[in-house]
Protein backbone atom coordinates (compact mmCIF):
# COMPACT_ATOMS: atom_id res chain seq x y z
CA UNK A 1 -12.38 -20.20 -27.48
CA UNK A 2 -15.25 -18.14 -26.05
CA UNK A 3 -14.93 -14.72 -24.45
CA UNK A 4 -16.78 -16.16 -21.45
CA UNK A 5 -13.95 -18.64 -20.90
CA UNK A 6 -11.35 -15.90 -20.76
CA UNK A 7 -13.51 -13.71 -18.50
CA UNK A 8 -14.31 -16.53 -16.10
CA UNK A 9 -10.67 -17.45 -15.54
CA UNK A 10 -9.53 -13.83 -15.24
CA UNK A 11 -12.33 -12.85 -12.86
CA UNK A 12 -11.62 -15.81 -10.59
CA UNK A 13 -7.99 -14.71 -10.20
CA UNK A 14 -8.56 -10.96 -10.28
CA UNK A 15 -8.03 -10.33 -6.50
CA UNK A 16 -4.66 -12.11 -6.68
CA UNK A 17 -3.66 -10.36 -9.91
CA UNK A 18 -4.63 -6.97 -8.49
CA UNK A 19 -2.58 -7.66 -5.36
CA UNK A 20 0.50 -8.56 -7.42
CA UNK A 21 0.19 -5.37 -9.48
CA UNK A 22 -0.44 -3.19 -6.43
CA UNK A 23 2.55 -4.55 -4.50
CA UNK A 24 4.81 -3.88 -7.49
CA UNK A 25 3.36 -0.46 -8.34
CA UNK A 26 2.12 0.93 -5.03
CA UNK A 27 -0.80 2.43 -6.95
CA UNK A 28 -4.36 1.12 -7.06
CA UNK A 29 -5.33 3.22 -10.07
CA UNK A 30 -2.27 2.13 -12.06
CA UNK A 31 -2.96 -1.47 -11.03
CA UNK A 32 -6.47 -1.17 -12.45
CA UNK A 33 -4.96 0.07 -15.72
CA UNK A 34 -2.48 -2.81 -15.74
CA UNK A 35 -5.25 -5.35 -15.22
CA UNK A 36 -7.35 -3.81 -17.97
CA UNK A 37 -4.46 -3.91 -20.42
CA UNK A 38 -3.55 -7.44 -19.32
CA UNK A 39 -7.09 -8.66 -19.90
CA UNK A 40 -7.09 -7.29 -23.45
CA UNK A 41 -3.95 -9.29 -24.11
CA UNK A 42 -5.36 -12.34 -22.32
CA UNK A 43 -8.51 -12.22 -24.43
CA UNK A 44 -6.39 -12.92 -27.53
CA UNK A 45 -4.76 -16.04 -26.06
CA UNK A 46 -5.72 -19.52 -27.26
CA UNK A 47 -6.76 -21.17 -23.99
CA UNK A 48 -5.83 -24.64 -25.25
CA UNK A 49 -2.18 -23.54 -25.06
CA UNK A 50 -2.38 -22.47 -21.41
CA UNK A 51 -1.30 -25.20 -18.98
CA UNK A 52 -1.41 -23.17 -15.77
CA UNK A 53 -3.78 -20.18 -15.82
CA UNK A 54 -2.56 -18.71 -12.52
CA UNK A 55 1.10 -18.78 -13.55
CA UNK A 56 0.32 -17.46 -17.04
CA UNK A 57 -1.76 -14.52 -15.81
CA UNK A 58 0.63 -13.70 -12.98
CA UNK A 59 3.46 -13.55 -15.52
CA UNK A 60 1.40 -11.35 -17.85
CA UNK A 61 0.35 -8.93 -15.10
CA UNK A 62 3.86 -8.73 -13.62
CA UNK A 63 5.37 -7.82 -16.99
CA UNK A 64 2.78 -5.10 -17.54
CA UNK A 65 3.34 -3.78 -14.01
CA UNK A 66 7.10 -3.64 -14.57
CA UNK A 67 6.54 -1.76 -17.82
CA UNK A 68 4.39 0.74 -15.90
CA UNK A 69 7.05 1.15 -13.18
CA UNK A 70 9.77 1.87 -15.73
CA UNK A 71 7.55 4.28 -17.65
CA UNK A 72 6.90 6.24 -14.45
CA UNK A 73 10.51 6.48 -13.28
CA UNK A 74 10.89 10.09 -14.37
CA UNK A 75 7.69 11.12 -12.60
CA UNK A 76 9.00 9.60 -9.37
CA UNK A 77 12.33 11.42 -9.74
CA UNK A 78 10.58 14.77 -10.23
CA UNK A 79 8.01 14.23 -7.47
CA UNK A 80 7.74 17.05 -4.92
CA UNK A 81 8.16 15.88 -1.34
CA UNK A 82 7.90 12.30 -0.01
CA UNK A 83 6.27 9.70 -2.25
CA UNK A 84 3.84 7.31 -0.55
CA UNK A 85 1.83 4.46 -2.06
CA UNK A 86 -1.86 5.01 -2.72
CA UNK A 87 -3.99 3.98 0.26
CA UNK A 88 -5.99 0.82 -0.33
CA UNK A 89 -9.45 0.44 1.21
CA UNK A 90 -9.76 -3.25 2.00
CA UNK A 91 -12.12 -5.67 3.66
CA UNK A 92 -9.98 -6.63 6.66
CA UNK A 93 -11.33 -10.18 6.45
CA UNK A 94 -9.31 -10.63 3.23
CA UNK A 95 -6.02 -10.25 5.06
CA UNK A 96 -6.61 -10.55 8.79
CA UNK A 97 -6.33 -14.36 8.77
CA UNK A 98 -3.26 -14.31 6.50
CA UNK A 99 -0.32 -12.61 8.19
CA UNK A 100 1.88 -12.75 5.08
CA UNK A 101 -0.80 -11.00 3.01
CA UNK A 102 -1.51 -8.50 5.80
CA UNK A 103 2.16 -7.51 6.05
CA UNK A 104 2.68 -7.43 2.29
CA UNK A 105 0.05 -4.71 1.76
CA UNK A 106 0.97 -2.70 4.87
CA UNK A 107 2.11 0.84 4.21
CA UNK A 108 5.38 0.16 6.03
CA UNK A 109 6.20 -2.77 3.73
CA UNK A 110 5.19 -0.89 0.58
CA UNK A 111 7.39 2.06 1.55
CA UNK A 112 10.26 -0.36 2.13
CA UNK A 113 9.70 -2.07 -1.23
CA UNK A 114 10.16 1.34 -2.86
CA UNK A 115 13.86 1.10 -1.97
CA UNK A 116 14.29 -1.96 -4.22
CA UNK A 117 14.89 -1.91 -7.95
CA UNK A 118 11.84 -2.84 -10.08
CA UNK A 119 13.23 -6.33 -10.78
CA UNK A 120 14.10 -6.88 -7.11
CA UNK A 121 10.64 -5.80 -6.09
CA UNK A 122 8.91 -8.09 -8.59
CA UNK A 123 11.08 -11.07 -7.63
CA UNK A 124 10.58 -10.46 -3.91
CA UNK A 125 6.81 -10.12 -4.24
CA UNK A 126 6.38 -13.17 -6.47
CA UNK A 127 8.63 -15.36 -4.33
CA UNK A 128 8.14 -14.20 -0.74
CA UNK A 129 4.47 -13.26 -0.88
CA UNK A 130 2.97 -15.48 -3.56
CA UNK A 131 5.34 -18.43 -3.46
CA UNK A 132 6.01 -18.80 -7.17
CA UNK A 133 8.83 -21.12 -8.22
CA UNK A 134 12.15 -19.65 -9.32
CA UNK A 135 11.72 -20.98 -12.85
CA UNK A 136 8.30 -19.29 -13.10
CA UNK A 137 9.77 -15.99 -11.89
CA UNK A 138 12.74 -16.32 -14.26
CA UNK A 139 10.36 -16.65 -17.21
CA UNK A 140 8.47 -13.59 -15.98
CA UNK A 141 11.40 -11.20 -15.59
CA UNK A 142 13.49 -12.59 -18.45
CA UNK A 143 16.47 -13.71 -16.39
CA UNK A 144 18.12 -17.05 -15.66
CA UNK A 145 17.02 -19.10 -12.66
CA UNK A 146 20.46 -18.60 -11.07
CA UNK A 147 20.21 -14.83 -11.48
CA UNK A 148 16.70 -14.79 -10.04
CA UNK A 149 17.91 -16.73 -6.99
CA UNK A 150 20.61 -14.12 -6.46
CA UNK A 151 18.15 -11.25 -6.90
CA UNK A 152 15.74 -12.91 -4.47
CA UNK A 153 18.48 -13.35 -1.86
CA UNK A 154 19.62 -9.73 -2.24
CA UNK A 155 16.06 -8.37 -2.00
CA UNK A 156 15.18 -10.61 0.94
CA UNK A 157 18.28 -9.54 2.87
CA UNK A 158 17.57 -5.88 2.14
CA UNK A 159 13.97 -6.11 3.34
CA UNK A 160 14.65 -8.23 6.42
CA UNK A 161 17.46 -5.96 7.60
CA UNK A 162 15.28 -2.86 7.45
CA UNK A 163 11.80 -3.93 8.52
CA UNK A 164 10.45 -3.98 12.02
CA UNK A 165 9.09 -7.34 13.13
CA UNK A 166 5.48 -7.52 11.97
CA UNK A 167 2.94 -8.04 14.73
CA UNK A 168 -0.81 -8.31 14.19
CA UNK A 169 -2.59 -5.88 16.50
CA UNK A 170 -5.60 -7.05 18.46
CA UNK A 171 -8.78 -5.37 17.11
CA UNK A 172 -9.81 -4.33 20.62
CA UNK A 173 -6.44 -2.62 21.12
CA UNK A 174 -6.75 -0.90 17.75
CA UNK A 175 -10.18 0.41 18.70
CA UNK A 176 -8.94 1.65 22.07
CA UNK A 177 -5.87 3.43 20.70
CA UNK A 178 -7.67 5.03 17.77
CA UNK A 179 -10.51 6.27 19.99
CA UNK A 180 -8.02 7.76 22.45
CA UNK A 181 -6.07 9.28 19.58
CA UNK A 182 -9.14 10.93 18.03
CA UNK A 183 -10.23 12.33 21.40
CA UNK A 184 -6.77 13.76 22.11
CA UNK A 185 -6.11 15.11 18.60
CA UNK A 186 -9.46 16.85 18.16
CA UNK A 187 -9.39 18.46 21.61
CA UNK A 188 -5.76 19.55 21.38
CA UNK A 189 -4.71 17.33 24.28
CA UNK A 190 -0.94 17.25 23.73
CA UNK A 191 -0.26 15.23 26.88
CA UNK A 192 -2.82 12.64 25.80
CA UNK A 193 -1.18 12.37 22.38
CA UNK A 194 2.29 11.99 23.88
CA UNK A 195 1.04 9.07 25.97
CA UNK A 196 0.01 7.30 22.75
CA UNK A 197 3.05 8.07 20.59
CA UNK A 198 6.29 6.11 20.48
CA UNK A 199 9.31 8.33 21.28
CA UNK A 200 10.53 8.09 17.66
CA UNK A 201 7.08 8.46 16.08
CA UNK A 202 7.18 9.75 12.52
CA UNK A 203 4.79 11.79 10.37
CA UNK A 204 5.22 11.43 6.60
CA UNK A 205 3.00 13.49 4.29
CA UNK A 206 2.55 13.02 0.54
CA UNK A 207 1.07 16.02 -1.26
CA UNK A 208 2.92 15.94 -4.58
CA UNK A 209 3.21 19.71 -4.18
CA UNK A 210 -0.52 20.05 -4.96
CA UNK A 211 -1.77 20.87 -1.44
CA UNK A 212 -0.20 22.17 1.76
CA UNK A 213 1.78 19.51 3.64
CA UNK A 214 5.17 19.02 5.24
CA UNK A 215 7.70 18.23 2.53
CA UNK A 216 10.02 16.37 4.89
CA UNK A 217 9.23 13.66 7.44
CA UNK A 218 8.65 14.92 10.98
CA UNK A 219 10.27 12.71 13.64
CA UNK A 220 9.92 12.65 17.42
CA UNK A 221 6.83 12.39 19.61
CA UNK A 222 6.69 16.07 20.60
CA UNK A 223 7.09 17.34 17.03
CA UNK A 224 4.52 14.86 15.69
CA UNK A 225 2.08 15.78 18.48
CA UNK A 226 2.41 19.43 17.47
CA UNK A 227 1.59 18.55 13.84
CA UNK A 228 -1.45 16.56 14.95
CA UNK A 229 -2.81 19.29 17.23
CA UNK A 230 -2.33 21.92 14.52
CA UNK A 231 -4.12 19.83 11.90
CA UNK A 232 -6.92 18.10 13.80
CA UNK A 233 -7.64 20.75 16.45
CA UNK A 234 -6.46 24.18 15.35
CA UNK A 235 -7.20 23.98 11.61
CA UNK A 236 -10.03 21.45 11.30
CA UNK A 237 -11.96 21.72 14.54
CA UNK A 238 -13.76 24.90 13.40
CA UNK A 239 -14.23 23.78 9.78
CA UNK A 240 -16.75 21.45 8.17
CA UNK A 241 -14.30 18.53 8.10
CA UNK A 242 -15.85 15.10 8.76
CA UNK A 243 -13.62 12.19 9.80
CA UNK A 244 -14.50 8.63 8.74
CA UNK A 245 -12.69 5.68 10.31
CA UNK A 246 -11.83 2.92 7.82
CA UNK A 247 -9.37 0.08 7.20
CA UNK A 248 -6.68 0.93 4.67
CA UNK A 249 -3.82 -1.47 3.95
CA UNK A 250 -5.03 -3.59 6.86
CA UNK A 251 -4.40 -0.83 9.40
CA UNK A 252 -6.66 1.81 11.02
CA UNK A 253 -7.06 4.91 8.88
CA UNK A 254 -9.01 8.15 8.78
CA UNK A 255 -10.53 9.72 5.68
CA UNK A 256 -11.06 13.47 6.09
CA UNK A 257 -14.03 14.74 4.08
CA UNK A 258 -14.91 18.36 3.35
CA UNK A 259 -18.35 18.17 1.78
CA UNK A 260 -18.01 15.85 -1.20
CA UNK A 261 -14.24 16.29 -1.38
CA UNK A 262 -11.58 14.20 0.34
CA UNK A 263 -8.97 16.30 2.12
CA UNK A 264 -6.66 13.44 2.99
CA UNK A 265 -6.22 9.86 4.14
CA UNK A 266 -4.25 9.24 7.34
CA UNK A 267 -2.98 5.78 8.21
CA UNK A 268 -1.92 4.90 11.76
CA UNK A 269 0.76 2.30 12.37
CA UNK A 270 0.77 0.69 15.82
CA UNK A 271 3.58 -1.38 17.33
CA UNK A 272 3.91 -2.63 20.91
CA UNK A 273 0.91 -0.59 22.01
CA UNK A 274 2.22 2.74 20.67
CA UNK A 275 1.61 4.72 17.50
CA UNK A 276 4.89 4.62 15.57
CA UNK A 277 4.03 6.14 12.19
CA UNK A 278 1.48 8.35 10.52
CA UNK A 279 1.18 8.23 6.74
CA UNK A 280 -0.71 11.27 5.42
CA UNK A 281 -1.69 10.99 1.76
CA UNK A 282 -3.05 14.33 0.55
CA UNK A 283 -2.17 14.31 -3.16
CA UNK A 284 -5.66 14.54 -4.77
CA UNK A 285 -4.60 12.15 -7.54
CA UNK A 286 -3.80 9.42 -5.01
CA UNK A 287 -7.00 9.59 -2.97
CA UNK A 288 -9.61 10.12 -5.67
CA UNK A 289 -10.69 6.45 -5.62
CA UNK A 290 -9.94 5.62 -1.97
CA UNK A 291 -13.61 4.86 -1.31
CA UNK A 292 -13.50 1.93 -3.73
CA UNK A 293 -13.37 -1.29 -1.69
CA UNK A 294 -10.70 -3.66 -3.08
CA UNK A 295 -10.45 -7.43 -2.93
CA UNK A 296 -6.98 -8.79 -2.26
CA UNK A 297 -5.67 -12.36 -2.02
CA UNK A 298 -2.63 -14.50 -2.61
């Protein structure tokens, strides 16, 4: 078998394989490592023995992702403050026409998937997002088909009982709300912010203890508005901070730059015309590669 044959098959499926790894790990950089390690293993495989390349590579990548999750368990337990997934800069055309894909990479869904066990998360992702058969998933996670069905049911019930109904937001509405938000936040217009925030709006900041950030979620429109005014108006208005609007995890996001450094990535979640959640990722390790545009698919 030629190296070109291995590379061609792997490259063709890379967006899907990356998406599987990312939804299991919640980390783009770790997903890149998983794919690199998986390719080295794939390059040693006799291609004449592979009946279904997609299933084979999905199984390989999932196993490596699960190994990475288990190896990082202690780091998660010792993490300072809230843990949020790494933001993912995406071409919105990859997901905008596919509601299942769009929801599966949303920050809200990834945060919810963190409440599952590693096996539950892998089974849920492979079944609910990518539609793999139970026997394929059983071979991947090393469990019986009956057990996998039970795990899938348990994970599905857990997710469905805790998630808010996913609604795609019209691009024009996104543009309007984000423009109004930026105008209000940067000018310190508290009343303007309150008109945009849901009553139970939440601010969650992930710093890993490496930069200044709230170590507990802030809940309630008035409290969140105060955080926003302090950050965007009081602290940053007189500094050399530059805000760039992007699409992360198929939702509007802001990247705050100070010179060549990234100060933070802030994702805005909108539901029923109101901003419901802010996800502030400020841990330098999690935002170092946020400017890398990723391809996702399922």
